[in-house]
């Protein structure tokens, strides 16, 4: 038996959808490698189109922010 996707409302566009995904409040890629596994990574309900569109924006922002970091700093390792 196939697992059904949950139904819900997207927090970004506020539309109801039959195929809801989980969007990370802070993208996984923003956590440095030194982040402990015990840190909670919050998610919110999100539709597929919004999740994909915002993923592109988050990737672009990460590149811009990474250029401002000190590569020798422990906090910025893995970013």
PDB file of N, CA and C in Angstrom:
ATOM      1  N   UNK A   1       0.848  -1.176   0.000  1.00  0.00           N
ATOM      2  CA  UNK A   1       0.000   0.000   0.000  1.00  0.00           C
ATOM      3  C   UNK A   1       0.892   1.236   0.000  1.00  0.00           C
ATOM      4  N   UNK A   2       0.595   2.196  -0.872  1.00  0.00           N
ATOM      5  CA  UNK A   2       1.404   3.406  -0.959  1.00  0.00           C
ATOM      6  C   UNK A   2       1.025   4.380   0.152  1.00  0.00           C
ATOM      7  N   UNK A   3       2.028   5.126   0.590  1.00  0.00           N
ATOM      8  CA  UNK A   3       1.807   6.114   1.635  1.00  0.00           C
ATOM      9  C   UNK A   3       1.276   7.402   1.003  1.00  0.00           C
ATOM     10  N   UNK A   4       0.158   7.906   1.502  1.00  0.00           N
ATOM     11  CA  UNK A   4      -0.434   9.133   0.967  1.00  0.00           C
ATOM     12  C   UNK A   4       0.308  10.348   1.508  1.00  0.00           C
ATOM     13  N   UNK A   5       0.445  11.365   0.653  1.00  0.00           N
ATOM     14  CA  UNK A   5       1.030  12.622   1.085  1.00  0.00           C
ATOM     15  C   UNK A   5       0.022  13.364   1.951  1.00  0.00           C
ATOM     16  N   UNK A   6       0.501  14.057   2.974  1.00  0.00           N
ATOM     17  CA  UNK A   6      -0.434  14.780   3.835  1.00  0.00           C
ATOM     18  C   UNK A   6      -1.057  15.975   3.117  1.00  0.00           C
ATOM     19  N   UNK A   7      -2.248  16.338   3.537  1.00  0.00           N
ATOM     20  CA  UNK A   7      -2.933  17.514   3.014  1.00  0.00           C
ATOM     21  C   UNK A   7      -2.699  18.656   3.993  1.00  0.00           C
ATOM     22  N   UNK A   8      -2.714  19.857   3.501  1.00  0.00           N
ATOM     23  CA  UNK A   8      -2.541  20.987   4.398  1.00  0.00           C
ATOM     24  C   UNK A   8      -2.453  22.305   3.661  1.00  0.00           C
ATOM     25  N   UNK A   9      -2.114  23.345   4.420  1.00  0.00           N
ATOM     26  CA  UNK A   9      -2.018  24.707   3.879  1.00  0.00           C
ATOM     27  C   UNK A   9      -0.555  25.139   3.893  1.00  0.00           C
ATOM     28  N   UNK A  10      -0.139  25.712   2.792  1.00  0.00           N
ATOM     29  CA  UNK A  10       1.222  26.225   2.658  1.00  0.00           C
ATOM     30  C   UNK A  10       1.356  27.518   3.472  1.00  0.00           C
ATOM     31  N   UNK A  11       2.425  27.627   4.262  1.00  0.00           N
ATOM     32  CA  UNK A  11       2.611  28.826   5.081  1.00  0.00           C
ATOM     33  C   UNK A  11       3.048  30.030   4.248  1.00  0.00           C
ATOM     34  N   UNK A  12       3.509  29.790   3.024  1.00  0.00           N
ATOM     35  CA  UNK A  12       3.997  30.888   2.194  1.00  0.00           C
ATOM     36  C   UNK A  12       2.898  31.497   1.324  1.00  0.00           C
ATOM     37  N   UNK A  13       2.170  30.661   0.589  1.00  0.00           N
ATOM     38  CA  UNK A  13       1.136  31.183  -0.318  1.00  0.00           C
ATOM     39  C   UNK A  13      -0.274  31.019   0.265  1.00  0.00           C
ATOM     40  N   UNK A  14      -0.405  30.301   1.375  1.00  0.00           N
ATOM     41  CA  UNK A  14      -1.651  30.083   2.098  1.00  0.00           C
ATOM     42  C   UNK A  14      -2.688  29.261   1.338  1.00  0.00           C
ATOM     43  N   UNK A  15      -2.275  28.583   0.253  1.00  0.00           N
ATOM     44  CA  UNK A  15      -3.194  27.720  -0.491  1.00  0.00           C
ATOM     45  C   UNK A  15      -3.262  26.345   0.160  1.00  0.00           C
ATOM     46  N   UNK A  16      -4.436  25.727   0.079  1.00  0.00           N
ATOM     47  CA  UNK A  16      -4.586  24.345   0.508  1.00  0.00           C
ATOM     48  C   UNK A  16      -4.090  23.444  -0.617  1.00  0.00           C
ATOM     49  N   UNK A  17      -3.425  22.362  -0.271  1.00  0.00           N
ATOM     50  CA  UNK A  17      -2.912  21.438  -1.271  1.00  0.00           C
ATOM     51  C   UNK A  17      -3.033  20.006  -0.762  1.00  0.00           C
ATOM     52  N   UNK A  18      -3.142  19.082  -1.691  1.00  0.00           N
ATOM     53  CA  UNK A  18      -3.225  17.666  -1.346  1.00  0.00           C
ATOM     54  C   UNK A  18      -1.839  17.047  -1.202  1.00  0.00           C
ATOM     55  N   UNK A  19      -0.807  17.762  -1.609  1.00  0.00           N
ATOM     56  CA  UNK A  19       0.553  17.238  -1.558  1.00  0.00           C
ATOM     57  C   UNK A  19       1.457  18.247  -0.859  1.00  0.00           C
ATOM     58  N   UNK A  20       1.493  18.185   0.459  1.00  0.00           N
ATOM     59  CA  UNK A  20       2.253  19.151   1.249  1.00  0.00           C
ATOM     60  C   UNK A  20       3.658  18.600   1.522  1.00  0.00           C
ATOM     61  N   UNK A  21       4.646  19.461   1.520  1.00  0.00           N
ATOM     62  CA  UNK A  21       6.015  19.079   1.850  1.00  0.00           C
ATOM     63  C   UNK A  21       6.412  19.802   3.133  1.00  0.00           C
ATOM     64  N   UNK A  22       7.598  19.533   3.609  1.00  0.00           N
ATOM     65  CA  UNK A  22       8.110  20.200   4.805  1.00  0.00           C
ATOM     66  C   UNK A  22       9.245  21.132   4.390  1.00  0.00           C
ATOM     67  N   UNK A  23       9.142  22.390   4.759  1.00  0.00           N
ATOM     68  CA  UNK A  23      10.166  23.381   4.457  1.00  0.00           C
ATOM     69  C   UNK A  23      10.905  23.704   5.748  1.00  0.00           C
ATOM     70  N   UNK A  24      12.224  23.684   5.705  1.00  0.00           N
ATOM     71  CA  UNK A  24      13.009  24.007   6.891  1.00  0.00           C
ATOM     72  C   UNK A  24      12.958  25.513   7.148  1.00  0.00           C
ATOM     73  N   UNK A  25      12.729  25.901   8.393  1.00  0.00           N
ATOM     74  CA  UNK A  25      12.688  27.320   8.760  1.00  0.00           C
ATOM     75  C   UNK A  25      14.053  27.938   8.464  1.00  0.00           C
ATOM     76  N   UNK A  26      15.105  27.268   8.872  1.00  0.00           N
ATOM     77  CA  UNK A  26      16.468  27.628   8.499  1.00  0.00           C
ATOM     78  C   UNK A  26      16.962  26.489   7.615  1.00  0.00           C
ATOM     79  N   UNK A  27      17.326  26.763   6.374  1.00  0.00           N
ATOM     80  CA  UNK A  27      17.713  25.690   5.452  1.00  0.00           C
ATOM     81  C   UNK A  27      18.816  24.808   6.012  1.00  0.00           C
ATOM     82  N   UNK A  28      18.744  23.512   5.721  1.00  0.00           N
ATOM     83  CA  UNK A  28      19.767  22.569   6.171  1.00  0.00           C
ATOM     84  C   UNK A  28      21.161  23.014   5.752  1.00  0.00           C
ATOM     85  N   UNK A  29      21.279  23.582   4.574  1.00  0.00           N
ATOM     86  CA  UNK A  29      22.590  23.988   4.064  1.00  0.00           C
ATOM     87  C   UNK A  29      23.194  25.144   4.858  1.00  0.00           C
ATOM     88  N   UNK A  30      22.400  25.817   5.680  1.00  0.00           N
ATOM     89  CA  UNK A  30      22.912  26.936   6.448  1.00  0.00           C
ATOM     90  C   UNK A  30      23.579  26.505   7.753  1.00  0.00           C
ATOM     91  N   UNK A  31      23.410  25.260   8.138  1.00  0.00           N
ATOM     92  CA  UNK A  31      24.031  24.777   9.368  1.00  0.00           C
ATOM     93  C   UNK A  31      25.454  24.338   9.063  1.00  0.00           C
ATOM     94  N   UNK A  32      26.450  24.864   9.793  1.00  0.00           N
ATOM     95  CA  UNK A  32      27.823  24.413   9.561  1.00  0.00           C
ATOM     96  C   UNK A  32      27.996  22.961   9.999  1.00  0.00           C
ATOM     97  N   UNK A  33      29.053  22.327   9.529  1.00  0.00           N
ATOM     98  CA  UNK A  33      29.314  20.924   9.865  1.00  0.00           C
ATOM     99  C   UNK A  33      29.498  20.720  11.363  1.00  0.00           C
ATOM    100  N   UNK A  34      29.891  21.781  12.072  1.00  0.00           N
ATOM    101  CA  UNK A  34      30.120  21.672  13.508  1.00  0.00           C
ATOM    102  C   UNK A  34      28.825  21.713  14.325  1.00  0.00           C
ATOM    103  N   UNK A  35      27.667  21.848  13.670  1.00  0.00           N
ATOM    104  CA  UNK A  35      26.383  21.896  14.370  1.00  0.00           C
ATOM    105  C   UNK A  35      26.080  20.527  14.986  1.00  0.00           C
ATOM    106  N   UNK A  36      25.824  20.476  16.288  1.00  0.00           N
ATOM    107  CA  UNK A  36      25.505  19.194  16.919  1.00  0.00           C
ATOM    108  C   UNK A  36      24.230  18.577  16.348  1.00  0.00           C
ATOM    109  N   UNK A  37      24.185  17.270  16.320  1.00  0.00           N
ATOM    110  CA  UNK A  37      23.019  16.554  15.785  1.00  0.00           C
ATOM    111  C   UNK A  37      21.778  16.780  16.644  1.00  0.00           C
ATOM    112  N   UNK A  38      21.968  17.222  17.879  1.00  0.00           N
ATOM    113  CA  UNK A  38      20.840  17.422  18.788  1.00  0.00           C
ATOM    114  C   UNK A  38      20.100  18.735  18.552  1.00  0.00           C
ATOM    115  N   UNK A  39      20.631  19.599  17.695  1.00  0.00           N
ATOM    116  CA  UNK A  39      19.981  20.868  17.414  1.00  0.00           C
ATOM    117  C   UNK A  39      18.703  20.614  16.623  1.00  0.00           C
ATOM    118  N   UNK A  40      17.597  21.185  17.101  1.00  0.00           N
ATOM    119  CA  UNK A  40      16.317  21.022  16.403  1.00  0.00           C
ATOM    120  C   UNK A  40      16.343  21.787  15.099  1.00  0.00           C
ATOM    121  N   UNK A  41      15.850  21.149  14.051  1.00  0.00           N
ATOM    122  CA  UNK A  41      15.748  21.800  12.747  1.00  0.00           C
ATOM    123  C   UNK A  41      14.265  21.891  12.411  1.00  0.00           C
ATOM    124  N   UNK A  42      13.691  23.046  12.728  1.00  0.00           N
ATOM    125  CA  UNK A  42      12.252  23.242  12.598  1.00  0.00           C
ATOM    126  C   UNK A  42      11.810  23.187  11.142  1.00  0.00           C
ATOM    127  N   UNK A  43      10.609  22.662  10.924  1.00  0.00           N
ATOM    128  CA  UNK A  43      10.008  22.639   9.596  1.00  0.00           C
ATOM    129  C   UNK A  43       8.583  23.178   9.670  1.00  0.00           C
ATOM    130  N   UNK A  44       8.106  23.646   8.521  1.00  0.00           N
ATOM    131  CA  UNK A  44       6.738  24.146   8.398  1.00  0.00           C
ATOM    132  C   UNK A  44       6.117  23.527   7.153  1.00  0.00           C
ATOM    133  N   UNK A  45       4.776  23.418   7.100  1.00  0.00           N
ATOM    134  CA  UNK A  45       4.129  22.864   5.903  1.00  0.00           C
ATOM    135  C   UNK A  45       4.269  23.823   4.720  1.00  0.00           C
ATOM    136  N   UNK A  46       4.567  23.271   3.566  1.00  0.00           N
ATOM    137  CA  UNK A  46       4.824  24.081   2.384  1.00  0.00           C
ATOM    138  C   UNK A  46       4.435  23.311   1.132  1.00  0.00           C
ATOM    139  N   UNK A  47       3.869  24.004   0.135  1.00  0.00           N
ATOM    140  CA  UNK A  47       3.543  23.340  -1.133  1.00  0.00           C
ATOM    141  C   UNK A  47       4.822  23.179  -1.961  1.00  0.00           C
ATOM    142  N   UNK A  48       4.804  22.251  -2.885  1.00  0.00           N
ATOM    143  CA  UNK A  48       5.980  21.943  -3.697  1.00  0.00           C
ATOM    144  C   UNK A  48       6.494  23.149  -4.501  1.00  0.00           C
ATOM    145  N   UNK A  49       5.619  23.922  -5.178  1.00  0.00           N
ATOM    146  CA  UNK A  49       6.120  25.077  -5.943  1.00  0.00           C
ATOM    147  C   UNK A  49       6.825  26.123  -5.067  1.00  0.00           C
ATOM    148  N   UNK A  50       6.252  26.428  -3.910  1.00  0.00           N
ATOM    149  CA  UNK A  50       6.883  27.407  -3.011  1.00  0.00           C
ATOM    150  C   UNK A  50       8.208  26.872  -2.473  1.00  0.00           C
ATOM    151  N   UNK A  51       8.245  25.596  -2.113  1.00  0.00           N
ATOM    152  CA  UNK A  51       9.456  24.990  -1.568  1.00  0.00           C
ATOM    153  C   UNK A  51      10.578  25.047  -2.601  1.00  0.00           C
ATOM    154  N   UNK A  52      10.272  24.745  -3.839  1.00  0.00           N
ATOM    155  CA  UNK A  52      11.277  24.773  -4.902  1.00  0.00           C
ATOM    156  C   UNK A  52      11.760  26.197  -5.168  1.00  0.00           C
ATOM    157  N   UNK A  53      10.830  27.134  -5.272  1.00  0.00           N
ATOM    158  CA  UNK A  53      11.178  28.533  -5.552  1.00  0.00           C
ATOM    159  C   UNK A  53      12.025  29.125  -4.425  1.00  0.00           C
ATOM    160  N   UNK A  54      11.626  28.875  -3.192  1.00  0.00           N
ATOM    161  CA  UNK A  54      12.369  29.422  -2.057  1.00  0.00           C
ATOM    162  C   UNK A  54      13.724  28.741  -1.893  1.00  0.00           C
ATOM    163  N   UNK A  55      13.835  27.488  -2.320  1.00  0.00           N
ATOM    164  CA  UNK A  55      15.119  26.797  -2.269  1.00  0.00           C
ATOM    165  C   UNK A  55      16.157  27.485  -3.136  1.00  0.00           C
ATOM    166  N   UNK A  56      15.740  27.976  -4.297  1.00  0.00           N
ATOM    167  CA  UNK A  56      16.645  28.705  -5.189  1.00  0.00           C
ATOM    168  C   UNK A  56      17.079  30.018  -4.536  1.00  0.00           C
ATOM    169  N   UNK A  57      16.131  30.724  -3.937  1.00  0.00           N
ATOM    170  CA  UNK A  57      16.433  31.995  -3.266  1.00  0.00           C
ATOM    171  C   UNK A  57      17.394  31.760  -2.097  1.00  0.00           C
ATOM    172  N   UNK A  58      17.154  30.708  -1.312  1.00  0.00           N
ATOM    173  CA  UNK A  58      18.010  30.396  -0.165  1.00  0.00           C
ATOM    174  C   UNK A  58      19.425  30.048  -0.607  1.00  0.00           C
ATOM    175  N   UNK A  59      19.565  29.318  -1.704  1.00  0.00           N
ATOM    176  CA  UNK A  59      20.893  28.961  -2.217  1.00  0.00           C
ATOM    177  C   UNK A  59      21.657  30.210  -2.641  1.00  0.00           C
ATOM    178  N   UNK A  60      20.983  31.114  -3.320  1.00  0.00           N
ATOM    179  CA  UNK A  60      21.616  32.354  -3.749  1.00  0.00           C
ATOM    180  C   UNK A  60      22.038  33.193  -2.550  1.00  0.00           C
ATOM    181  N   UNK A  61      21.176  33.270  -1.547  1.00  0.00           N
ATOM    182  CA  UNK A  61      21.495  34.038  -0.349  1.00  0.00           C
ATOM    183  C   UNK A  61      22.671  33.420   0.403  1.00  0.00           C
ATOM    184  N   UNK A  62      22.729  32.089   0.461  1.00  0.00           N
ATOM    185  CA  UNK A  62      23.836  31.414   1.137  1.00  0.00           C
ATOM    186  C   UNK A  62      25.163  31.772   0.479  1.00  0.00           C
ATOM    187  N   UNK A  63      25.197  31.795  -0.845  1.00  0.00           N
ATOM    188  CA  UNK A  63      26.429  32.151  -1.558  1.00  0.00           C
ATOM    189  C   UNK A  63      26.840  33.572  -1.202  1.00  0.00           C
ATOM    190  N   UNK A  64      25.883  34.474  -1.187  1.00  0.00           N
ATOM    191  CA  UNK A  64      26.197  35.871  -0.860  1.00  0.00           C
ATOM    192  C   UNK A  64      26.683  36.018   0.585  1.00  0.00           C
ATOM    193  N   UNK A  65      26.047  35.298   1.505  1.00  0.00           N
ATOM    194  CA  UNK A  65      26.468  35.373   2.908  1.00  0.00           C
ATOM    195  C   UNK A  65      27.822  34.707   3.126  1.00  0.00           C
ATOM    196  N   UNK A  66      28.072  33.610   2.419  1.00  0.00           N
ATOM    197  CA  UNK A  66      29.328  32.877   2.587  1.00  0.00           C
ATOM    198  C   UNK A  66      30.521  33.740   2.199  1.00  0.00           C
ATOM    199  N   UNK A  67      30.338  34.652   1.267  1.00  0.00           N
ATOM    200  CA  UNK A  67      31.425  35.532   0.860  1.00  0.00           C
ATOM    201  C   UNK A  67      31.818  36.514   1.965  1.00  0.00           C
ATOM    202  N   UNK A  68      30.945  36.672   2.962  1.00  0.00           N
ATOM    203  CA  UNK A  68      31.207  37.593   4.071  1.00  0.00           C
ATOM    204  C   UNK A  68      31.845  36.893   5.269  1.00  0.00           C
ATOM    205  N   UNK A  69      31.988  35.569   5.221  1.00  0.00           N
ATOM    206  CA  UNK A  69      32.493  34.812   6.360  1.00  0.00           C
ATOM    207  C   UNK A  69      34.001  34.667   6.323  1.00  0.00           C
ATOM    208  N   UNK A  70      34.594  34.519   7.500  1.00  0.00           N
ATOM    209  CA  UNK A  70      36.010  34.238   7.618  1.00  0.00           C
ATOM    210  C   UNK A  70      36.230  32.741   7.458  1.00  0.00           C
ATOM    211  N   UNK A  71      36.894  32.294   6.400  1.00  0.00           N
ATOM    212  CA  UNK A  71      37.035  30.865   6.170  1.00  0.00           C
ATOM    213  C   UNK A  71      37.854  30.142   7.244  1.00  0.00           C
ATOM    214  N   UNK A  72      38.596  30.877   8.047  1.00  0.00           N
ATOM    215  CA  UNK A  72      39.412  30.268   9.096  1.00  0.00           C
ATOM    216  C   UNK A  72      38.641  30.085  10.407  1.00  0.00           C
ATOM    217  N   UNK A  73      37.459  30.653  10.488  1.00  0.00           N
ATOM    218  CA  UNK A  73      36.648  30.588  11.702  1.00  0.00           C
ATOM    219  C   UNK A  73      35.964  29.230  11.833  1.00  0.00           C
ATOM    220  N   UNK A  74      35.936  28.681  13.062  1.00  0.00           N
ATOM    221  CA  UNK A  74      35.276  27.407  13.310  1.00  0.00           C
ATOM    222  C   UNK A  74      33.788  27.479  12.998  1.00  0.00           C
ATOM    223  N   UNK A  75      33.168  28.624  13.256  1.00  0.00           N
ATOM    224  CA  UNK A  75      31.730  28.790  13.048  1.00  0.00           C
ATOM    225  C   UNK A  75      31.345  28.716  11.573  1.00  0.00           C
ATOM    226  N   UNK A  76      32.265  29.010  10.697  1.00  0.00           N
ATOM    227  CA  UNK A  76      31.929  29.034   9.271  1.00  0.00           C
ATOM    228  C   UNK A  76      32.367  27.781   8.522  1.00  0.00           C
ATOM    229  N   UNK A  77      32.944  26.811   9.229  1.00  0.00           N
ATOM    230  CA  UNK A  77      33.368  25.586   8.558  1.00  0.00           C
ATOM    231  C   UNK A  77      32.163  24.829   8.025  1.00  0.00           C
ATOM    232  N   UNK A  78      32.262  24.376   6.802  1.00  0.00           N
ATOM    233  CA  UNK A  78      31.199  23.596   6.200  1.00  0.00           C
ATOM    234  C   UNK A  78      30.141  24.424   5.513  1.00  0.00           C
ATOM    235  N   UNK A  79      30.236  25.738   5.625  1.00  0.00           N
ATOM    236  CA  UNK A  79      29.223  26.576   4.965  1.00  0.00           C
ATOM    237  C   UNK A  79      29.614  26.793   3.533  1.00  0.00           C
TER     238      UNK A  79
END
